[in-house]
């Protein structure tokens, strides 16, 4: 003889709640899926975007271990996005990139030497020798270039301000041995227009630099 156990009132309540929760979950998921479908014309389909897997510094050569691929709506993907890690592996960065930040074409250097690979599109690398002692200026510093013209009425003029030091070419031996030595050359990032002004000043004037204070973050 089989005895059927009757459910207690509490068990019945839990069963009803379980059914209601399951139905609510189904409705919510169905609504979410429908909402995503409705938003597709606005957000676009999901597309792959290559991002930095860790903080990367300017000049770093990208390897596959430093990159990751995330999918995001096409309409929110950054201009110049890269969708395949293999397309950027081995290329240098021309600016710092934070972890999770997309790697875009404007952040990538071009094929070429160690200097050319770090020059952003639209800028130029211009070397000057302002007679500084080694160690006074470091890569990443910003300087103002001052030209002193000779002649019957000598005068000085600021040729350009806030130029970033891309790299430093130290003299042979790494130090100034005598007053006749010229010291390190500074490779500056400049616009084509500023490059022309610096070329003129280099031909007719003595160049000196002043070091600008560090750029403070707005955060």
Protein backbone atom coordinates (compact mmCIF):
# COMPACT_ATOMS: atom_id res chain seq x y z
CA UNK A 1 0.00 0.00 0.00
CA UNK A 2 1.49 3.30 -1.09
CA UNK A 3 1.12 6.31 1.13
CA UNK A 4 1.35 9.72 -0.54
CA UNK A 5 2.95 12.36 1.59
CA UNK A 6 0.97 15.52 1.62
CA UNK A 7 2.91 18.74 1.08
CA UNK A 8 2.99 21.11 3.94
CA UNK A 9 1.81 24.66 3.49
CA UNK A 10 5.43 25.85 3.56
CA UNK A 11 6.48 23.38 0.85
CA UNK A 12 3.59 24.49 -1.34
CA UNK A 13 4.62 28.11 -0.83
CA UNK A 14 8.23 27.37 -1.81
CA UNK A 15 7.05 25.50 -4.90
CA UNK A 16 4.84 28.38 -5.98
CA UNK A 17 7.69 30.85 -5.42
CA UNK A 18 10.05 28.63 -7.46
CA UNK A 19 7.58 28.56 -10.37
CA UNK A 20 7.09 32.32 -10.19
CA UNK A 21 10.88 32.94 -10.04
CA UNK A 22 11.46 30.69 -13.04
CA UNK A 23 8.78 32.41 -15.04
CA UNK A 24 10.11 35.83 -14.07
CA UNK A 25 13.65 34.83 -15.09
CA UNK A 26 12.40 33.59 -18.46
CA UNK A 27 10.47 36.81 -19.07
CA UNK A 28 13.49 38.92 -18.08
CA UNK A 29 15.90 37.04 -20.34
CA UNK A 30 13.42 37.14 -23.20
CA UNK A 31 12.96 40.90 -22.70
CA UNK A 32 16.71 41.43 -22.61
CA UNK A 33 17.24 39.43 -25.80
CA UNK A 34 14.45 41.35 -27.51
CA UNK A 35 15.90 44.63 -26.30
CA UNK A 36 19.34 43.75 -27.69
CA UNK A 37 17.77 42.93 -31.03
CA UNK A 38 15.94 46.25 -31.04
CA UNK A 39 19.14 48.15 -30.16
CA UNK A 40 21.25 46.49 -32.86
CA UNK A 41 20.44 49.19 -35.47
CA UNK A 42 21.59 51.81 -32.93
CA UNK A 43 24.65 50.14 -31.39
CA UNK A 44 25.65 47.95 -34.32
CA UNK A 45 26.80 44.35 -34.27
CA UNK A 46 29.56 43.26 -31.92
CA UNK A 47 33.01 43.61 -33.47
CA UNK A 48 36.47 42.56 -32.22
CA UNK A 49 38.72 45.30 -30.83
CA UNK A 50 42.36 44.79 -29.85
CA UNK A 51 43.12 46.32 -26.43
CA UNK A 52 46.16 46.50 -24.15
CA UNK A 53 46.29 43.57 -21.74
CA UNK A 54 48.45 45.66 -19.37
CA UNK A 55 49.78 49.24 -19.20
CA UNK A 56 52.17 49.87 -22.09
CA UNK A 57 54.70 52.67 -22.53
CA UNK A 58 55.55 54.62 -25.66
CA UNK A 59 58.20 52.84 -27.67
CA UNK A 60 57.11 49.39 -26.50
CA UNK A 61 57.14 46.75 -29.21
CA UNK A 62 53.77 45.03 -29.16
CA UNK A 63 53.74 41.30 -28.56
CA UNK A 64 50.75 38.99 -28.49
CA UNK A 65 51.15 38.54 -24.72
CA UNK A 66 50.59 42.30 -24.23
CA UNK A 67 47.33 42.36 -26.20
CA UNK A 68 43.81 41.03 -25.86
CA UNK A 69 40.66 41.08 -27.99
CA UNK A 70 37.34 42.34 -26.70
CA UNK A 71 34.02 42.58 -28.49
CA UNK A 72 31.99 45.78 -28.40
CA UNK A 73 29.13 47.34 -30.39
CA UNK A 74 30.41 48.60 -33.74
CA UNK A 75 28.98 52.09 -33.25
CA UNK A 76 30.91 52.47 -29.99
CA UNK A 77 34.20 51.05 -31.27
CA UNK A 78 36.93 53.72 -31.58
CA UNK A 79 37.93 55.04 -35.01
CA UNK A 80 40.93 53.23 -36.41
CA UNK A 81 40.26 50.11 -34.36
CA UNK A 82 42.30 46.96 -34.94
CA UNK A 83 40.45 43.66 -34.89
CA UNK A 84 43.29 41.15 -35.14
CA UNK A 85 46.27 40.86 -32.77
CA UNK A 86 48.48 39.52 -35.55
CA UNK A 87 48.13 42.81 -37.46
CA UNK A 88 49.87 44.84 -34.74
CA UNK A 89 52.33 42.35 -33.27
CA UNK A 90 55.89 43.65 -33.64
CA UNK A 91 54.89 47.31 -34.13
CA UNK A 92 55.98 50.07 -31.73
CA UNK A 93 53.65 52.40 -29.83
CA UNK A 94 53.95 56.16 -30.28
CA UNK A 95 52.15 56.92 -27.00
CA UNK A 96 51.40 55.35 -23.64
CA UNK A 97 48.36 53.07 -23.45
CA UNK A 98 46.44 52.15 -20.31
CA UNK A 99 45.29 48.62 -19.52
CA UNK A 100 42.09 47.85 -21.43
CA UNK A 101 42.50 50.82 -23.77
CA UNK A 102 41.94 50.07 -27.48
CA UNK A 103 44.98 49.95 -29.74
CA UNK A 104 44.13 52.24 -32.66
CA UNK A 105 46.08 53.12 -35.79
CA UNK A 106 46.97 56.54 -34.39
CA UNK A 107 48.80 54.83 -31.50
CA UNK A 108 50.99 52.77 -33.81
CA UNK A 109 54.36 53.68 -35.27
CA UNK A 110 55.39 53.08 -38.84
CA UNK A 111 58.00 50.76 -40.22
CA UNK A 112 61.43 52.31 -39.99
CA UNK A 113 64.28 53.03 -37.64
CA UNK A 114 64.15 53.44 -33.88
CA UNK A 115 63.29 57.16 -34.17
CA UNK A 116 60.85 56.98 -37.10
CA UNK A 117 58.81 54.28 -35.36
CA UNK A 118 58.08 56.68 -32.49
CA UNK A 119 57.01 59.72 -34.51
CA UNK A 120 53.21 60.15 -34.54
CA UNK A 121 51.49 60.82 -37.83
CA UNK A 122 51.66 64.51 -38.76
CA UNK A 123 54.74 65.31 -36.67
CA UNK A 124 58.47 65.30 -37.37
CA UNK A 125 61.58 64.46 -35.35
CA UNK A 126 64.01 67.39 -35.38
CA UNK A 127 67.48 67.20 -33.72
CA UNK A 128 69.12 70.23 -32.14
CA UNK A 129 72.32 70.60 -30.13
CA UNK A 130 71.73 73.30 -27.52
CA UNK A 131 74.96 72.82 -25.54
CA UNK A 132 73.46 71.09 -22.50
CA UNK A 133 75.43 68.94 -20.11
CA UNK A 134 74.47 65.25 -20.19
CA UNK A 135 71.63 64.34 -17.84
CA UNK A 136 70.01 67.78 -17.67
CA UNK A 137 67.11 66.74 -19.88
CA UNK A 138 65.43 63.35 -20.13
CA UNK A 139 63.23 61.74 -22.74
CA UNK A 140 59.64 62.89 -22.27
CA UNK A 141 60.61 66.32 -20.91
CA UNK A 142 59.23 69.42 -22.62
CA UNK A 143 61.45 72.32 -23.60
CA UNK A 144 61.25 75.80 -25.07
CA UNK A 145 63.80 76.57 -27.79
CA UNK A 146 65.41 80.03 -27.73
CA UNK A 147 67.49 81.36 -30.63
CA UNK A 148 70.09 84.10 -30.15
CA UNK A 149 70.91 85.92 -33.37
CA UNK A 150 74.18 87.82 -33.72
CA UNK A 151 75.09 90.81 -35.83
CA UNK A 152 75.27 94.52 -34.95
CA UNK A 153 72.16 94.22 -32.81
CA UNK A 154 72.05 90.76 -31.21
CA UNK A 155 68.72 89.58 -29.91
CA UNK A 156 67.05 86.43 -28.64
CA UNK A 157 63.69 85.02 -29.62
CA UNK A 158 61.66 81.99 -28.53
CA UNK A 159 61.31 79.83 -31.62
CA UNK A 160 58.95 77.21 -30.16
CA UNK A 161 57.50 76.24 -26.78
CA UNK A 162 56.48 73.01 -25.11
CA UNK A 163 58.30 70.66 -27.49
CA UNK A 164 58.57 67.08 -26.30
CA UNK A 165 62.00 65.45 -26.16
CA UNK A 166 61.61 62.22 -28.12
CA UNK A 167 65.14 60.92 -27.58
CA UNK A 168 68.61 62.09 -26.59
CA UNK A 169 71.78 61.45 -28.57
CA UNK A 170 74.69 61.54 -26.17
CA UNK A 171 78.15 62.63 -27.37
CA UNK A 172 80.79 59.97 -27.74
CA UNK A 173 81.97 59.01 -24.29
CA UNK A 174 78.75 60.27 -22.67
CA UNK A 175 80.26 63.40 -21.13
CA UNK A 176 81.60 66.81 -22.05
CA UNK A 177 85.39 66.67 -21.85
CA UNK A 178 86.14 70.30 -22.58
CA UNK A 179 84.48 73.63 -23.19
CA UNK A 180 84.64 72.95 -26.92
CA UNK A 181 82.37 69.94 -26.72
CA UNK A 182 78.76 70.55 -27.71
CA UNK A 183 76.96 68.08 -25.45
CA UNK A 184 74.02 65.84 -26.29
CA UNK A 185 71.62 66.44 -29.15
CA UNK A 186 67.91 66.53 -28.41
CA UNK A 187 65.51 64.95 -30.87
CA UNK A 188 62.30 66.97 -30.58
CA UNK A 189 58.78 66.21 -31.75
CA UNK A 190 57.63 69.15 -33.87
CA UNK A 191 55.11 70.08 -36.53
CA UNK A 192 56.41 70.58 -40.09
CA UNK A 193 55.98 74.36 -39.65
CA UNK A 194 58.05 74.41 -36.45
CA UNK A 195 60.66 72.24 -38.15
CA UNK A 196 61.15 74.98 -40.77
CA UNK A 197 61.50 77.64 -38.08
CA UNK A 198 64.04 75.54 -36.19
CA UNK A 199 66.00 74.88 -39.39
CA UNK A 200 66.25 78.63 -40.05
CA UNK A 201 67.26 79.34 -36.46
CA UNK A 202 69.87 76.56 -36.53
CA UNK A 203 71.48 78.15 -39.60
CA UNK A 204 71.65 81.72 -38.31
CA UNK A 205 71.55 81.58 -34.51
CA UNK A 206 72.83 79.83 -31.41
CA UNK A 207 70.17 77.63 -29.87
CA UNK A 208 69.44 77.12 -26.19
CA UNK A 209 66.60 75.44 -24.35
CA UNK A 210 64.72 75.99 -21.14
CA UNK A 211 63.02 73.03 -19.46
CA UNK A 212 59.28 73.41 -18.94
CA UNK A 213 57.62 72.14 -15.73
CA UNK A 214 55.98 68.70 -15.85
CA UNK A 215 52.49 68.49 -17.28
CA UNK A 216 50.03 67.95 -14.43
CA UNK A 217 47.12 65.56 -14.82
CA UNK A 218 43.59 66.93 -14.73
CA UNK A 219 42.48 63.91 -12.67
